[in-house]
């Protein structure tokens, strides 16, 4: 995967902001496709009152993704 030509605002996202950005992207995709799989994933990604996802395994995956993405962006 190649890096974006311009970095822009992604450099300054906090981990929480980046975690919240993932479902925003997927919501747009879901609205266009009405994919049941994406709808199910969005349900798993919803944040519970405790600040984690309803599915704890998904929370760890999101954190790992944000760490990898930030490393990729900064290189």
Foldseek 3Di string as FASTA:
>chain_A
DAEDPDQPPVLPDDLLRQLVVVVVVLVVVCVVPVDPVSVVVSQQSDADPVGAGPDNVVRVVSSVVSVVVNVNHVD
